[in-house]
Amino acid sequence: MLYTVLSLLGVLGALTVAAELIAKGTEELEGAIGQGMAGGVVLGFLTALPETIVVVVAVLNSAGDVALGSAIGGNVILFTLGIGLVGLVYVKKWKSPLKMVGDYSVEYNFLVLSTLALVPLLFYGRLDVFSGIPLCAIYLGYVAYRLKKFSKSEQRKPIKKSSLLYLVLGAALLLSLSKFLVEDIESVSRALGVPSVWLALVVSPLAAELEEKISAIRLASMSFKGGSIAIVSFIGSKIENASLLLGLIGVLSFDYLPLHTALSELIAALVSNLIALFILFDGKMAGKESVFLIALYFVIVYLTLVF
């Protein structure tokens, strides 16, 4: 038990360093390539990389349920607790509501599209090549659109080598530590007698998304526009989860994956996406909205456990 606790503290310390590197690299990169590319595409992809690897490996090993859980498990957390914490930290740090800056409408619109795509998927009831290819196309279209907009815009600053170095080092640390973080938290939880249902629905998903929340909170506290970049990175990574990762499960599956066993998780992901879209519709988030989102997360967890 003592060894596991010490290991967990060490991993958390190293993750804090990784979050600092990623936040610093993203902040520098944003000045050169803009918020959408830096936050939505680059940071969104990096923070979703652990789930992407898990999904691909799980599907190739015929563990479809594991792949599906990894693909959609984080949406509820990030679009309630994650955004709420970022908003609360931002308000406390800068004494002002978090306001979205720059052209974040691209991410918003593609989040709408990926959310709407979940509706026919629920009725279709399976992930296969026919449902997977259109889902993958949504994310590829998002990246292509961002690249097209970037190529037409004037680069404001040259890309610093240090920003790329920060991102590579931070991403390498994040990838190498994510597995150990989840394992250590689960071990400590079991040793403390945490019920298995709480472990499956609360502890493990929180641990899996912890590094993404740490990076976002650091961004929100580092600069006045960091909160906006953090939210865009959340949206970018969850567009990827709800489109590319679900699509890959369908495309790479040997036959198809039925969705009836994960129906409640898909509905929860759909609801959390809709709530995030509503909260971010006017481009700003005050302290009360942040507290509401945090409270909503615990309500959803409670209802999931009860029903």
C-alpha atoms as a PDB file:
ATOM      1  CA  MET A   1       0.000   0.000   0.000  1.00  0.00           C
ATOM      2  CA  LEU A   2       2.756   2.461   0.992  1.00  0.00           C
ATOM      3  CA  TYR A   3       4.714   1.664  -2.166  1.00  0.00           C
ATOM      4  CA  THR A   4       1.624   2.256  -4.326  1.00  0.00           C
ATOM      5  CA  VAL A   5       0.888   5.592  -2.620  1.00  0.00           C
ATOM      6  CA  LEU A   6       4.489   6.745  -3.117  1.00  0.00           C
ATOM      7  CA  SER A   7       4.343   5.587  -6.735  1.00  0.00           C
ATOM      8  CA  LEU A   8       1.091   7.508  -7.237  1.00  0.00           C
ATOM      9  CA  LEU A   9       2.594  10.681  -5.763  1.00  0.00           C
ATOM     10  CA  GLY A  10       5.608  10.307  -8.040  1.00  0.00           C
ATOM     11  CA  VAL A  11       3.430   9.812 -11.108  1.00  0.00           C
ATOM     12  CA  LEU A  12       1.278  12.831 -10.193  1.00  0.00           C
ATOM     13  CA  GLY A  13       4.402  14.947  -9.785  1.00  0.00           C
ATOM     14  CA  ALA A  14       5.723  13.851 -13.169  1.00  0.00           C
ATOM     15  CA  LEU A  15       2.308  14.469 -14.751  1.00  0.00           C
ATOM     16  CA  THR A  16       2.348  18.007 -13.371  1.00  0.00           C
ATOM     17  CA  VAL A  17       5.686  18.533 -15.133  1.00  0.00           C
ATOM     18  CA  ALA A  18       4.218  17.064 -18.346  1.00  0.00           C
ATOM     19  CA  ALA A  19       1.191  19.369 -18.064  1.00  0.00           C
ATOM     20  CA  GLU A  20       3.471  22.373 -17.572  1.00  0.00           C
ATOM     21  CA  LEU A  21       5.511  21.452 -20.669  1.00  0.00           C
ATOM     22  CA  ILE A  22       2.405  20.909 -22.801  1.00  0.00           C
ATOM     23  CA  ALA A  23       0.784  24.141 -21.583  1.00  0.00           C
ATOM     24  CA  LYS A  24       3.968  26.136 -22.231  1.00  0.00           C
ATOM     25  CA  GLY A  25       4.440  24.604 -25.674  1.00  0.00           C
ATOM     26  CA  THR A  26       0.812  25.219 -26.653  1.00  0.00           C
ATOM     27  CA  GLU A  27       0.912  28.832 -25.473  1.00  0.00           C
ATOM     28  CA  GLU A  28       4.014  29.520 -27.593  1.00  0.00           C
ATOM     29  CA  LEU A  29       2.615  27.630 -30.583  1.00  0.00           C
ATOM     30  CA  GLU A  30      -0.682  29.546 -30.430  1.00  0.00           C
ATOM     31  CA  GLY A  31       1.152  32.769 -31.233  1.00  0.00           C
ATOM     32  CA  ALA A  32       2.416  31.232 -34.469  1.00  0.00           C
ATOM     33  CA  ILE A  33      -0.416  29.066 -35.779  1.00  0.00           C
ATOM     34  CA  GLY A  34      -3.490  30.381 -33.973  1.00  0.00           C
ATOM     35  CA  GLN A  35      -5.837  29.066 -31.314  1.00  0.00           C
ATOM     36  CA  GLY A  36      -7.703  26.594 -33.524  1.00  0.00           C
ATOM     37  CA  MET A  37      -4.626  24.776 -34.801  1.00  0.00           C
ATOM     38  CA  ALA A  38      -2.681  24.931 -31.522  1.00  0.00           C
ATOM     39  CA  GLY A  39      -5.551  24.128 -29.167  1.00  0.00           C
ATOM     40  CA  GLY A  40      -8.111  22.232 -31.217  1.00  0.00           C
ATOM     41  CA  VAL A  41      -5.879  20.171 -33.505  1.00  0.00           C
ATOM     42  CA  VAL A  42      -2.418  19.852 -31.898  1.00  0.00           C
ATOM     43  CA  LEU A  43      -3.280  19.873 -28.175  1.00  0.00           C
ATOM     44  CA  GLY A  44      -6.588  18.103 -28.773  1.00  0.00           C
ATOM     45  CA  PHE A  45      -4.794  15.306 -30.625  1.00  0.00           C
ATOM     46  CA  LEU A  46      -1.997  15.002 -28.058  1.00  0.00           C
ATOM     47  CA  THR A  47      -4.344  14.787 -25.082  1.00  0.00           C
ATOM     48  CA  ALA A  48      -6.519  12.224 -26.894  1.00  0.00           C
ATOM     49  CA  LEU A  49      -3.490  10.144 -27.923  1.00  0.00           C
ATOM     50  CA  PRO A  50      -3.662   7.718 -24.948  1.00  0.00           C
ATOM     51  CA  GLU A  51      -7.310   6.899 -25.734  1.00  0.00           C
ATOM     52  CA  THR A  52      -6.464   6.570 -29.447  1.00  0.00           C
ATOM     53  CA  ILE A  53      -3.754   4.006 -28.747  1.00  0.00           C
ATOM     54  CA  VAL A  54      -6.017   2.078 -26.361  1.00  0.00           C
ATOM     55  CA  VAL A  55      -8.830   2.024 -28.947  1.00  0.00           C
ATOM     56  CA  VAL A  56      -6.639   0.736 -31.795  1.00  0.00           C
ATOM     57  CA  VAL A  57      -4.929  -1.923 -29.653  1.00  0.00           C
ATOM     58  CA  ALA A  58      -8.231  -3.038 -28.103  1.00  0.00           C
ATOM     59  CA  VAL A  59      -9.996  -3.387 -31.461  1.00  0.00           C
ATOM     60  CA  LEU A  60      -7.108  -5.345 -32.980  1.00  0.00           C
ATOM     61  CA  ASN A  61      -7.283  -7.659 -29.955  1.00  0.00           C
ATOM     62  CA  SER A  62     -11.064  -8.092 -30.375  1.00  0.00           C
ATOM     63  CA  ALA A  63     -11.797  -6.202 -27.135  1.00  0.00           C
ATOM     64  CA  GLY A  64     -14.524  -3.995 -28.574  1.00  0.00           C
ATOM     65  CA  ASP A  65     -16.111  -3.065 -25.243  1.00  0.00           C
ATOM     66  CA  VAL A  66     -12.775  -1.753 -23.939  1.00  0.00           C
ATOM     67  CA  ALA A  67     -12.304   0.281 -27.118  1.00  0.00           C
ATOM     68  CA  LEU A  68     -15.808   1.740 -26.884  1.00  0.00           C
ATOM     69  CA  GLY A  69     -15.408   2.668 -23.219  1.00  0.00           C
ATOM     70  CA  SER A  70     -12.116   4.418 -23.917  1.00  0.00           C
ATOM     71  CA  ALA A  71     -13.582   6.313 -26.879  1.00  0.00           C
ATOM     72  CA  ILE A  72     -16.635   7.796 -25.149  1.00  0.00           C
ATOM     73  CA  GLY A  73     -15.811   7.560 -21.443  1.00  0.00           C
ATOM     74  CA  GLY A  74     -14.147  10.951 -21.159  1.00  0.00           C
ATOM     75  CA  ASN A  75     -16.820  13.111 -22.803  1.00  0.00           C
ATOM     76  CA  VAL A  76     -19.068  13.268 -19.737  1.00  0.00           C
ATOM     77  CA  ILE A  77     -16.155  14.147 -17.445  1.00  0.00           C
ATOM     78  CA  LEU A  78     -14.533  16.816 -19.614  1.00  0.00           C
ATOM     79  CA  PHE A  79     -17.756  18.507 -20.715  1.00  0.00           C
ATOM     80  CA  THR A  80     -19.003  18.846 -17.127  1.00  0.00           C
ATOM     81  CA  LEU A  81     -16.287  18.591 -14.474  1.00  0.00           C
ATOM     82  CA  GLY A  82     -13.424  19.509 -16.834  1.00  0.00           C
ATOM     83  CA  ILE A  83     -14.937  22.664 -18.331  1.00  0.00           C
ATOM     84  CA  GLY A  84     -16.350  23.618 -14.925  1.00  0.00           C
ATOM     85  CA  LEU A  85     -12.949  23.404 -13.212  1.00  0.00           C
ATOM     86  CA  VAL A  86     -11.234  25.374 -15.983  1.00  0.00           C
ATOM     87  CA  GLY A  87     -13.908  28.082 -15.760  1.00  0.00           C
ATOM     88  CA  LEU A  88     -13.673  28.249 -11.971  1.00  0.00           C
ATOM     89  CA  VAL A  89      -9.858  28.463 -11.972  1.00  0.00           C
ATOM     90  CA  TYR A  90     -10.000  31.130 -14.678  1.00  0.00           C
ATOM     91  CA  VAL A  91     -12.540  33.281 -12.795  1.00  0.00           C
ATOM     92  CA  LYS A  92     -10.534  33.017  -9.575  1.00  0.00           C
ATOM     93  CA  LYS A  93      -7.238  33.838 -11.312  1.00  0.00           C
ATOM     94  CA  TRP A  94      -8.325  36.665 -13.616  1.00  0.00           C
ATOM     95  CA  LYS A  95     -11.433  37.974 -11.766  1.00  0.00           C
ATOM     96  CA  SER A  96     -13.370  37.832 -15.011  1.00  0.00           C
ATOM     97  CA  PRO A  97     -15.694  35.383 -16.782  1.00  0.00           C
ATOM     98  CA  LEU A  98     -13.950  33.054 -19.209  1.00  0.00           C
ATOM     99  CA  LYS A  99     -14.503  34.426 -22.696  1.00  0.00           C
ATOM    100  CA  MET A 100     -13.816  32.473 -25.852  1.00  0.00           C
ATOM    101  CA  VAL A 101     -11.498  34.406 -28.142  1.00  0.00           C
ATOM    102  CA  GLY A 102     -10.485  33.967 -31.748  1.00  0.00           C
ATOM    103  CA  ASP A 103     -12.291  31.783 -34.253  1.00  0.00           C
ATOM    104  CA  TYR A 104     -13.604  28.991 -32.034  1.00  0.00           C
ATOM    105  CA  SER A 105     -16.775  28.664 -34.107  1.00  0.00           C
ATOM    106  CA  VAL A 106     -15.067  25.992 -36.232  1.00  0.00           C
ATOM    107  CA  GLU A 107     -14.651  23.711 -33.207  1.00  0.00           C
ATOM    108  CA  TYR A 108     -18.151  24.552 -32.005  1.00  0.00           C
ATOM    109  CA  ASN A 109     -19.737  23.681 -35.354  1.00  0.00           C
ATOM    110  CA  PHE A 110     -17.836  20.412 -35.700  1.00  0.00           C
ATOM    111  CA  LEU A 111     -18.819  19.509 -32.137  1.00  0.00           C
ATOM    112  CA  VAL A 112     -22.440  20.074 -33.191  1.00  0.00           C
ATOM    113  CA  LEU A 113     -21.867  17.802 -36.200  1.00  0.00           C
ATOM    114  CA  SER A 114     -20.187  15.022 -34.189  1.00  0.00           C
ATOM    115  CA  THR A 115     -22.967  15.247 -31.580  1.00  0.00           C
ATOM    116  CA  LEU A 116     -25.707  14.997 -34.202  1.00  0.00           C
ATOM    117  CA  ALA A 117     -23.916  11.967 -35.671  1.00  0.00           C
ATOM    118  CA  LEU A 118     -24.477  10.098 -32.400  1.00  0.00           C
ATOM    119  CA  VAL A 119     -28.268  10.212 -32.871  1.00  0.00           C
ATOM    120  CA  PRO A 120     -28.540   7.991 -35.992  1.00  0.00           C
ATOM    121  CA  LEU A 121     -25.791   5.805 -34.519  1.00  0.00           C
ATOM    122  CA  LEU A 122     -28.010   5.086 -31.505  1.00  0.00           C
ATOM    123  CA  PHE A 123     -30.810   3.925 -33.817  1.00  0.00           C
ATOM    124  CA  TYR A 124     -28.459   1.985 -36.113  1.00  0.00           C
ATOM    125  CA  GLY A 125     -27.193   0.138 -33.050  1.00  0.00           C
ATOM    126  CA  ARG A 126     -23.795  -1.008 -34.271  1.00  0.00           C
ATOM    127  CA  LEU A 127     -20.331   0.161 -35.240  1.00  0.00           C
ATOM    128  CA  ASP A 128     -19.183  -1.256 -38.568  1.00  0.00           C
ATOM    129  CA  VAL A 129     -17.564  -0.071 -41.790  1.00  0.00           C
ATOM    130  CA  PHE A 130     -20.772   1.638 -42.952  1.00  0.00           C
ATOM    131  CA  SER A 131     -21.106   3.736 -39.787  1.00  0.00           C
ATOM    132  CA  GLY A 132     -17.350   4.003 -39.152  1.00  0.00           C
ATOM    133  CA  ILE A 133     -16.296   5.676 -42.403  1.00  0.00           C
ATOM    134  CA  PRO A 134     -18.697   8.664 -42.087  1.00  0.00           C
ATOM    135  CA  LEU A 135     -17.599   9.145 -38.456  1.00  0.00           C
ATOM    136  CA  CYS A 136     -13.917   9.170 -39.437  1.00  0.00           C
ATOM    137  CA  ALA A 137     -14.745  11.619 -42.230  1.00  0.00           C
ATOM    138  CA  ILE A 138     -16.080  14.145 -39.703  1.00  0.00           C
ATOM    139  CA  TYR A 139     -12.748  14.386 -37.864  1.00  0.00           C
ATOM    140  CA  LEU A 140     -10.675  14.322 -41.057  1.00  0.00           C
ATOM    141  CA  GLY A 141     -12.898  17.101 -42.407  1.00  0.00           C
ATOM    142  CA  TYR A 142     -12.311  19.125 -39.228  1.00  0.00           C
ATOM    143  CA  VAL A 143      -8.517  18.808 -39.482  1.00  0.00           C
ATOM    144  CA  ALA A 144      -8.565  19.526 -43.234  1.00  0.00           C
ATOM    145  CA  TYR A 145     -10.703  22.640 -42.707  1.00  0.00           C
ATOM    146  CA  ARG A 146      -8.376  23.910 -39.986  1.00  0.00           C
ATOM    147  CA  LEU A 147      -5.315  23.287 -42.178  1.00  0.00           C
ATOM    148  CA  LYS A 148      -6.982  25.098 -45.088  1.00  0.00           C
ATOM    149  CA  LYS A 149      -7.813  28.121 -42.919  1.00  0.00           C
ATOM    150  CA  PHE A 150      -4.277  28.164 -41.542  1.00  0.00           C
ATOM    151  CA  SER A 151      -2.690  27.980 -45.010  1.00  0.00           C
ATOM    152  CA  LYS A 152      -4.727  31.005 -46.121  1.00  0.00           C
ATOM    153  CA  SER A 153      -3.878  33.108 -43.079  1.00  0.00           C
ATOM    154  CA  GLU A 154      -0.692  35.015 -42.481  1.00  0.00           C
ATOM    155  CA  GLN A 155       1.590  33.409 -39.923  1.00  0.00           C
ATOM    156  CA  ARG A 156       1.850  35.928 -37.099  1.00  0.00           C
ATOM    157  CA  LYS A 157       5.092  34.670 -35.581  1.00  0.00           C
ATOM    158  CA  PRO A 158       7.686  32.070 -36.556  1.00  0.00           C
ATOM    159  CA  ILE A 159       7.252  28.705 -34.872  1.00  0.00           C
ATOM    160  CA  LYS A 160       9.753  28.406 -32.044  1.00  0.00           C
ATOM    161  CA  LYS A 161      11.734  25.191 -31.782  1.00  0.00           C
ATOM    162  CA  SER A 162      11.277  25.393 -28.020  1.00  0.00           C
ATOM    163  CA  SER A 163       7.481  25.097 -28.371  1.00  0.00           C
ATOM    164  CA  LEU A 164       7.840  21.863 -30.349  1.00  0.00           C
ATOM    165  CA  LEU A 165      10.375  20.553 -27.835  1.00  0.00           C
ATOM    166  CA  TYR A 166       8.032  21.325 -24.923  1.00  0.00           C
ATOM    167  CA  LEU A 167       5.160  19.525 -26.668  1.00  0.00           C
ATOM    168  CA  VAL A 168       7.205  16.447 -27.613  1.00  0.00           C
ATOM    169  CA  LEU A 169       8.664  16.066 -24.118  1.00  0.00           C
ATOM    170  CA  GLY A 170       5.298  16.683 -22.456  1.00  0.00           C
ATOM    171  CA  ALA A 171       3.496  14.237 -24.753  1.00  0.00           C
ATOM    172  CA  ALA A 172       6.172  11.568 -24.209  1.00  0.00           C
ATOM    173  CA  LEU A 173       5.813  11.924 -20.430  1.00  0.00           C
ATOM    174  CA  LEU A 174       2.032  11.869 -20.685  1.00  0.00           C
ATOM    175  CA  LEU A 175       1.979   8.702 -22.795  1.00  0.00           C
ATOM    176  CA  SER A 176       4.472   6.860 -20.613  1.00  0.00           C
ATOM    177  CA  LEU A 177       2.731   7.763 -17.341  1.00  0.00           C
ATOM    178  CA  SER A 178      -0.984   7.482 -18.171  1.00  0.00           C
ATOM    179  CA  LYS A 179      -1.148   3.705 -17.710  1.00  0.00           C
ATOM    180  CA  PHE A 180       0.696   3.826 -14.370  1.00  0.00           C
ATOM    181  CA  LEU A 181      -1.562   6.629 -13.123  1.00  0.00           C
ATOM    182  CA  VAL A 182      -4.742   4.640 -13.732  1.00  0.00           C
ATOM    183  CA  GLU A 183      -3.251   1.454 -12.251  1.00  0.00           C
ATOM    184  CA  ASP A 184      -1.980   3.216  -9.101  1.00  0.00           C
ATOM    185  CA  ILE A 185      -5.257   5.048  -8.464  1.00  0.00           C
ATOM    186  CA  GLU A 186      -7.227   1.828  -8.919  1.00  0.00           C
ATOM    187  CA  SER A 187      -4.865  -0.033  -6.546  1.00  0.00           C
ATOM    188  CA  VAL A 188      -5.168   2.645  -3.847  1.00  0.00           C
ATOM    189  CA  SER A 189      -8.957   2.738  -4.280  1.00  0.00           C
ATOM    190  CA  ARG A 190      -9.242  -1.035  -3.849  1.00  0.00           C
ATOM    191  CA  ALA A 191      -6.979  -0.933  -0.788  1.00  0.00           C
ATOM    192  CA  LEU A 192      -9.238   1.740   0.731  1.00  0.00           C
ATOM    193  CA  GLY A 193     -12.320  -0.371   0.063  1.00  0.00           C
ATOM    194  CA  VAL A 194     -13.843   1.736  -2.706  1.00  0.00           C
ATOM    195  CA  PRO A 195     -16.816  -0.236  -4.152  1.00  0.00           C
ATOM    196  CA  SER A 196     -16.192  -1.789  -7.566  1.00  0.00           C
ATOM    197  CA  VAL A 197     -19.084   0.134  -9.134  1.00  0.00           C
ATOM    198  CA  TRP A 198     -17.534   3.446  -8.027  1.00  0.00           C
ATOM    199  CA  LEU A 199     -14.197   2.239  -9.331  1.00  0.00           C
ATOM    200  CA  ALA A 200     -15.634   1.493 -12.759  1.00  0.00           C
ATOM    201  CA  LEU A 201     -17.865   4.561 -13.133  1.00  0.00           C
ATOM    202  CA  VAL A 202     -15.979   7.259 -11.229  1.00  0.00           C
ATOM    203  CA  VAL A 203     -12.389   6.513 -10.191  1.00  0.00           C
ATOM    204  CA  SER A 204     -11.019   4.946 -13.394  1.00  0.00           C
ATOM    205  CA  PRO A 205     -12.512   7.533 -15.815  1.00  0.00           C
ATOM    206  CA  LEU A 206     -11.312  10.397 -13.598  1.00  0.00           C
ATOM    207  CA  ALA A 207      -7.808   8.943 -13.531  1.00  0.00           C
ATOM    208  CA  ALA A 208      -7.774   8.422 -17.293  1.00  0.00           C
ATOM    209  CA  GLU A 209      -8.680  12.078 -17.954  1.00  0.00           C
ATOM    210  CA  LEU A 210      -6.584  13.625 -15.172  1.00  0.00           C
ATOM    211  CA  GLU A 211      -3.604  14.639 -17.305  1.00  0.00           C
ATOM    212  CA  GLU A 212      -5.879  16.478 -19.754  1.00  0.00           C
ATOM    213  CA  LYS A 213      -7.527  18.454 -16.952  1.00  0.00           C
ATOM    214  CA  ILE A 214      -4.156  19.356 -15.396  1.00  0.00           C
ATOM    215  CA  SER A 215      -2.857  20.701 -18.733  1.00  0.00           C
ATOM    216  CA  ALA A 216      -6.057  22.701 -19.281  1.00  0.00           C
ATOM    217  CA  ILE A 217      -6.015  24.202 -15.780  1.00  0.00           C
ATOM    218  CA  ARG A 218      -2.372  25.257 -16.223  1.00  0.00           C
ATOM    219  CA  LEU A 219      -3.257  26.910 -19.529  1.00  0.00           C
ATOM    220  CA  ALA A 220      -6.165  28.776 -17.918  1.00  0.00           C
ATOM    221  CA  SER A 221      -3.923  30.128 -15.166  1.00  0.00           C
ATOM    222  CA  MET A 222      -0.898  30.964 -17.349  1.00  0.00           C
ATOM    223  CA  SER A 223      -2.408  33.655 -19.565  1.00  0.00           C
ATOM    224  CA  PHE A 224      -5.613  35.647 -20.020  1.00  0.00           C
ATOM    225  CA  LYS A 225      -6.510  33.833 -23.253  1.00  0.00           C
ATOM    226  CA  GLY A 226      -5.310  30.471 -21.943  1.00  0.00           C
ATOM    227  CA  GLY A 227      -8.794  29.536 -20.764  1.00  0.00           C
ATOM    228  CA  SER A 228     -10.137  29.822 -24.290  1.00  0.00           C
ATOM    229  CA  ILE A 229      -7.308  27.651 -25.654  1.00  0.00           C
ATOM    230  CA  ALA A 230      -8.010  25.058 -22.945  1.00  0.00           C
ATOM    231  CA  ILE A 231     -11.711  24.840 -23.839  1.00  0.00           C
ATOM    232  CA  VAL A 232     -10.873  24.590 -27.554  1.00  0.00           C
ATOM    233  CA  SER A 233      -8.484  21.715 -26.760  1.00  0.00           C
ATOM    234  CA  PHE A 234     -11.271  19.941 -24.849  1.00  0.00           C
ATOM    235  CA  ILE A 235     -13.609  20.351 -27.802  1.00  0.00           C
ATOM    236  CA  GLY A 236     -10.955  19.240 -30.304  1.00  0.00           C
ATOM    237  CA  SER A 237     -10.101  16.082 -28.376  1.00  0.00           C
ATOM    238  CA  LYS A 238     -13.750  15.149 -27.855  1.00  0.00           C
ATOM    239  CA  ILE A 239     -14.594  15.759 -31.511  1.00  0.00           C
ATOM    240  CA  GLU A 240     -11.867  13.192 -32.170  1.00  0.00           C
ATOM    241  CA  ASN A 241     -13.285  10.779 -29.583  1.00  0.00           C
ATOM    242  CA  ALA A 242     -16.863  11.009 -30.854  1.00  0.00           C
ATOM    243  CA  SER A 243     -15.932  10.748 -34.531  1.00  0.00           C
ATOM    244  CA  LEU A 244     -12.497   9.313 -35.358  1.00  0.00           C
ATOM    245  CA  LEU A 245     -12.209   6.889 -32.430  1.00  0.00           C
ATOM    246  CA  LEU A 246     -15.752   5.549 -32.784  1.00  0.00           C
ATOM    247  CA  GLY A 247     -15.188   5.357 -36.528  1.00  0.00           C
ATOM    248  CA  LEU A 248     -11.946   3.409 -36.119  1.00  0.00           C
ATOM    249  CA  ILE A 249     -13.766   0.840 -33.984  1.00  0.00           C
ATOM    250  CA  GLY A 250     -16.187   0.257 -36.857  1.00  0.00           C
ATOM    251  CA  VAL A 251     -13.565   0.259 -39.601  1.00  0.00           C
ATOM    252  CA  LEU A 252     -11.053  -1.983 -37.798  1.00  0.00           C
ATOM    253  CA  SER A 253     -13.583  -4.447 -36.367  1.00  0.00           C
ATOM    254  CA  PHE A 254     -13.597  -7.799 -38.160  1.00  0.00           C
ATOM    255  CA  ASP A 255     -17.394  -7.887 -38.154  1.00  0.00           C
ATOM    256  CA  TYR A 256     -19.309  -5.258 -36.160  1.00  0.00           C
ATOM    257  CA  LEU A 257     -19.666  -4.072 -32.577  1.00  0.00           C
ATOM    258  CA  PRO A 258     -23.209  -3.949 -31.141  1.00  0.00           C
ATOM    259  CA  LEU A 259     -23.941  -0.851 -29.067  1.00  0.00           C
ATOM    260  CA  HIS A 260     -26.746  -2.112 -26.821  1.00  0.00           C
ATOM    261  CA  THR A 261     -24.330  -2.841 -23.948  1.00  0.00           C
ATOM    262  CA  ALA A 262     -23.069   0.766 -23.982  1.00  0.00           C
ATOM    263  CA  LEU A 263     -26.392   2.485 -24.638  1.00  0.00           C
ATOM    264  CA  SER A 264     -26.436   4.400 -21.334  1.00  0.00           C
ATOM    265  CA  GLU A 265     -22.848   5.620 -21.858  1.00  0.00           C
ATOM    266  CA  LEU A 266     -23.651   6.826 -25.381  1.00  0.00           C
ATOM    267  CA  ILE A 267     -26.749   8.665 -24.163  1.00  0.00           C
ATOM    268  CA  ALA A 268     -24.735  10.243 -21.315  1.00  0.00           C
ATOM    269  CA  ALA A 269     -22.093  11.362 -23.834  1.00  0.00           C
ATOM    270  CA  LEU A 270     -24.802  12.829 -26.077  1.00  0.00           C
ATOM    271  CA  VAL A 271     -26.390  14.712 -23.162  1.00  0.00           C
ATOM    272  CA  SER A 272     -23.046  16.074 -21.920  1.00  0.00           C
ATOM    273  CA  ASN A 273     -22.187  17.263 -25.437  1.00  0.00           C
ATOM    274  CA  LEU A 274     -25.520  19.089 -25.682  1.00  0.00           C
ATOM    275  CA  ILE A 275     -24.994  20.734 -22.286  1.00  0.00           C
ATOM    276  CA  ALA A 276     -21.507  21.902 -23.294  1.00  0.00           C
ATOM    277  CA  LEU A 277     -22.886  23.310 -26.549  1.00  0.00           C
ATOM    278  CA  PHE A 278     -25.575  25.219 -24.639  1.00  0.00           C
ATOM    279  CA  ILE A 279     -23.129  26.614 -22.046  1.00  0.00           C
ATOM    280  CA  LEU A 280     -20.617  27.739 -24.693  1.00  0.00           C
ATOM    281  CA  PHE A 281     -23.215  29.113 -27.119  1.00  0.00           C
ATOM    282  CA  ASP A 282     -22.651  32.754 -26.110  1.00  0.00           C
ATOM    283  CA  GLY A 283     -18.856  32.358 -25.960  1.00  0.00           C
ATOM    284  CA  LYS A 284     -18.429  33.042 -22.246  1.00  0.00           C
ATOM    285  CA  MET A 285     -18.679  31.205 -18.948  1.00  0.00           C
ATOM    286  CA  ALA A 286     -19.098  32.816 -15.539  1.00  0.00           C
ATOM    287  CA  GLY A 287     -18.451  31.345 -12.110  1.00  0.00           C
ATOM    288  CA  LYS A 288     -22.076  30.246 -11.610  1.00  0.00           C
ATOM    289  CA  GLU A 289     -22.048  28.256 -14.856  1.00  0.00           C
ATOM    290  CA  SER A 290     -18.769  26.626 -13.836  1.00  0.00           C
ATOM    291  CA  VAL A 291     -20.191  25.577 -10.459  1.00  0.00           C
ATOM    292  CA  PHE A 292     -23.317  24.263 -12.216  1.00  0.00           C
ATOM    293  CA  LEU A 293     -21.238  22.063 -14.532  1.00  0.00           C
ATOM    294  CA  ILE A 294     -19.187  20.665 -11.633  1.00  0.00           C
ATOM    295  CA  ALA A 295     -22.354  19.897  -9.653  1.00  0.00           C
ATOM    296  CA  LEU A 296     -23.939  18.368 -12.747  1.00  0.00           C
ATOM    297  CA  TYR A 297     -21.090  15.886 -13.054  1.00  0.00           C
ATOM    298  CA  PHE A 298     -21.760  14.519  -9.574  1.00  0.00           C
ATOM    299  CA  VAL A 299     -25.515  14.400 -10.275  1.00  0.00           C
ATOM    300  CA  ILE A 300     -24.882  12.344 -13.428  1.00  0.00           C
ATOM    301  CA  VAL A 301     -22.556  10.012 -11.509  1.00  0.00           C
ATOM    302  CA  TYR A 302     -25.145   9.578  -8.749  1.00  0.00           C
ATOM    303  CA  LEU A 303     -27.968   8.855 -11.201  1.00  0.00           C
ATOM    304  CA  THR A 304     -25.766   6.381 -13.078  1.00  0.00           C
ATOM    305  CA  LEU A 305     -24.936   4.552  -9.859  1.00  0.00           C
ATOM    306  CA  VAL A 306     -28.547   4.501  -8.631  1.00  0.00           C
ATOM    307  CA  PHE A 307     -30.218   3.516 -11.883  1.00  0.00           C
END
